[in-house]
C-alpha atoms as a PDB file:
ATOM      1  CA  MET A   1       4.147 -11.999 -15.547  1.00  0.00           C
ATOM      2  CA  GLN A   2       5.977 -12.982 -12.373  1.00  0.00           C
ATOM      3  CA  PHE A   3       7.519 -10.307  -9.994  1.00  0.00           C
ATOM      4  CA  ASN A   4      10.194 -10.656  -7.476  1.00  0.00           C
ATOM      5  CA  LYS A   5       9.038 -10.988  -3.679  1.00  0.00           C
ATOM      6  CA  ASN A   6      10.624  -9.714  -0.702  1.00  0.00           C
ATOM      7  CA  GLN A   7      11.462 -11.492   2.439  1.00  0.00           C
ATOM      8  CA  PHE A   8       7.981 -11.430   3.588  1.00  0.00           C
ATOM      9  CA  GLY A   9       6.587 -12.526   0.339  1.00  0.00           C
ATOM     10  CA  VAL A  10       5.244  -9.131  -0.950  1.00  0.00           C
ATOM     11  CA  PRO A  11       5.772  -8.788  -4.671  1.00  0.00           C
ATOM     12  CA  GLN A  12       7.920  -6.149  -5.969  1.00  0.00           C
ATOM     13  CA  TYR A  13       5.809  -4.308  -8.465  1.00  0.00           C
ATOM     14  CA  PRO A  14       7.335  -1.688 -10.948  1.00  0.00           C
ATOM     15  CA  HIS A  15       6.870   1.900  -9.637  1.00  0.00           C
ATOM     16  CA  ASP A  16       4.544   2.773 -12.284  1.00  0.00           C
ATOM     17  CA  ASP A  17       1.844  -0.399 -11.598  1.00  0.00           C
ATOM     18  CA  ALA A  18      -1.099   0.343  -9.846  1.00  0.00           C
ATOM     19  CA  ARG A  19      -0.693  -2.713  -7.784  1.00  0.00           C
ATOM     20  CA  ARG A  20       2.292  -1.081  -5.985  1.00  0.00           C
ATOM     21  CA  LEU A  21      -0.234   1.472  -4.785  1.00  0.00           C
ATOM     22  CA  PHE A  22      -2.560  -1.641  -3.651  1.00  0.00           C
ATOM     23  CA  VAL A  23      -0.062  -3.059  -1.635  1.00  0.00           C
ATOM     24  CA  LEU A  24       0.722   0.358   0.127  1.00  0.00           C
ATOM     25  CA  ALA A  25      -2.903   0.492   0.916  1.00  0.00           C
ATOM     26  CA  SER A  26      -3.246  -3.118   2.227  1.00  0.00           C
ATOM     27  CA  ALA A  27       0.118  -2.467   4.401  1.00  0.00           C
ATOM     28  CA  ILE A  28      -1.624   0.409   6.099  1.00  0.00           C
ATOM     29  CA  ASP A  29      -4.679  -1.777   6.792  1.00  0.00           C
ATOM     30  CA  LEU A  30      -2.636  -4.699   7.690  1.00  0.00           C
ATOM     31  CA  LEU A  31      -0.080  -3.239  10.267  1.00  0.00           C
ATOM     32  CA  GLU A  32      -0.965  -2.340  13.788  1.00  0.00           C
ATOM     33  CA  ARG A  33       1.079   0.695  13.767  1.00  0.00           C
ATOM     34  CA  PRO A  34       1.795   1.821   9.954  1.00  0.00           C
ATOM     35  CA  THR A  35       4.096   4.084  10.017  1.00  0.00           C
ATOM     36  CA  SER A  36       6.518   4.920   6.853  1.00  0.00           C
ATOM     37  CA  SER A  37       9.405   2.858   8.107  1.00  0.00           C
ATOM     38  CA  ALA A  38       7.221  -0.003   8.883  1.00  0.00           C
ATOM     39  CA  ILE A  39       5.389   0.082   5.629  1.00  0.00           C
ATOM     40  CA  ASP A  40       8.898   0.072   4.077  1.00  0.00           C
ATOM     41  CA  ASP A  41       9.960  -2.692   5.983  1.00  0.00           C
ATOM     42  CA  LEU A  42       6.950  -4.782   5.053  1.00  0.00           C
ATOM     43  CA  THR A  43       6.549  -3.699   1.461  1.00  0.00           C
ATOM     44  CA  GLY A  44       9.979  -2.483   0.141  1.00  0.00           C
ATOM     45  CA  ILE A  45       8.204   0.826  -0.846  1.00  0.00           C
ATOM     46  CA  ASP A  46      10.861   3.390  -0.131  1.00  0.00           C
ATOM     47  CA  LYS A  47       9.719   5.410   3.111  1.00  0.00           C
ATOM     48  CA  THR A  48      10.727   8.863   1.085  1.00  0.00           C
ATOM     49  CA  THR A  49       7.941   8.020  -1.389  1.00  0.00           C
ATOM     50  CA  ILE A  50       4.980   6.777   0.782  1.00  0.00           C
ATOM     51  CA  ASP A  51       3.558  10.565   1.313  1.00  0.00           C
ATOM     52  CA  SER A  52       3.192  10.959  -2.364  1.00  0.00           C
ATOM     53  CA  GLU A  53       2.044   7.481  -2.872  1.00  0.00           C
ATOM     54  CA  VAL A  54      -0.621   8.110  -0.345  1.00  0.00           C
ATOM     55  CA  ASP A  55      -1.746  11.203  -2.296  1.00  0.00           C
ATOM     56  CA  LYS A  56      -2.260   9.020  -5.280  1.00  0.00           C
ATOM     57  CA  LEU A  57      -4.446   6.638  -3.380  1.00  0.00           C
ATOM     58  CA  ARG A  58      -6.352   9.788  -2.438  1.00  0.00           C
ATOM     59  CA  GLU A  59      -6.781  11.708  -5.680  1.00  0.00           C
ATOM     60  CA  GLN A  60      -6.960   8.561  -8.150  1.00  0.00           C
ATOM     61  CA  TYR A  61      -9.273   5.987  -5.905  1.00  0.00           C
ATOM     62  CA  GLY A  62     -10.868   8.175  -3.535  1.00  0.00           C
ATOM     63  CA  MET A  63      -9.433   6.943  -0.478  1.00  0.00           C
ATOM     64  CA  VAL A  64      -9.712   8.800   2.613  1.00  0.00           C
ATOM     65  CA  ILE A  65      -6.417   8.379   4.509  1.00  0.00           C
ATOM     66  CA  HIS A  66      -5.129  10.421   7.585  1.00  0.00           C
ATOM     67  CA  LYS A  67      -1.827  10.707   8.906  1.00  0.00           C
ATOM     68  CA  PHE A  68      -1.785  11.458  12.921  1.00  0.00           C
ATOM     69  CA  GLY A  69       1.785  12.069  13.737  1.00  0.00           C
ATOM     70  CA  GLU A  70       3.793   9.357  11.741  1.00  0.00           C
ATOM     71  CA  ILE A  71       0.725   6.582  11.721  1.00  0.00           C
ATOM     72  CA  TYR A  72      -1.312   6.182   8.596  1.00  0.00           C
ATOM     73  CA  ARG A  73      -5.138   5.335   8.985  1.00  0.00           C
ATOM     74  CA  ILE A  74      -7.818   4.457   6.329  1.00  0.00           C
ATOM     75  CA  GLU A  75     -10.901   5.877   7.138  1.00  0.00           C
ATOM     76  CA  SER A  76     -12.406   5.064   3.866  1.00  0.00           C
ATOM     77  CA  TRP A  77     -11.555   2.851   0.557  1.00  0.00           C
ATOM     78  CA  GLY A  78     -13.656   5.044  -1.418  1.00  0.00           C
ATOM     79  CA  LYS A  79     -16.276   4.009  -4.223  1.00  0.00           C
ATOM     80  CA  ILE A  80     -13.696   2.330  -6.623  1.00  0.00           C
ATOM     81  CA  LEU A  81     -11.450   0.194  -4.349  1.00  0.00           C
ATOM     82  CA  ASN A  82     -12.726  -2.814  -2.681  1.00  0.00           C
ATOM     83  CA  LYS A  83     -10.617  -3.830   0.799  1.00  0.00           C
ATOM     84  CA  GLU A  84     -10.716  -7.703   0.031  1.00  0.00           C
ATOM     85  CA  ILE A  85      -9.775  -7.387  -3.667  1.00  0.00           C
ATOM     86  CA  VAL A  86      -6.886  -5.044  -3.143  1.00  0.00           C
ATOM     87  CA  ALA A  87      -5.396  -7.035  -0.484  1.00  0.00           C
ATOM     88  CA  LYS A  88      -4.810  -9.879  -3.309  1.00  0.00           C
ATOM     89  CA  ALA A  89      -1.943  -7.651  -4.731  1.00  0.00           C
ATOM     90  CA  MET A  90      -0.018  -8.638  -1.775  1.00  0.00           C
ATOM     91  CA  LYS A  91      -0.168 -12.245  -2.470  1.00  0.00           C
ATOM     92  CA  ALA A  92       0.357 -12.340  -6.198  1.00  0.00           C
ATOM     93  CA  GLU A  93       0.336 -15.856  -7.692  1.00  0.00           C
ATOM     94  CA  ASP A  94       3.591 -17.048  -9.096  1.00  0.00           C
END
């Protein structure tokens, strides 16, 4: 299945697709200053939903993600997710 991509080439997965969470995690890891606005700009994930989506990453995948002021930081990818594999969600094949 093909997905539309935004201006940065990031696939726009449906809201109920786990790969959307993987794109979020990858954006937090990739961005120098991962704020809600910066993540929204890169991924197209609405900045008003990012906190709840980060909670899903914590609860469902065991990631340890902190928020210092407006900036998110990943401390641990947990036991389920692999950083390199998750990053592939941002570069979906056509």
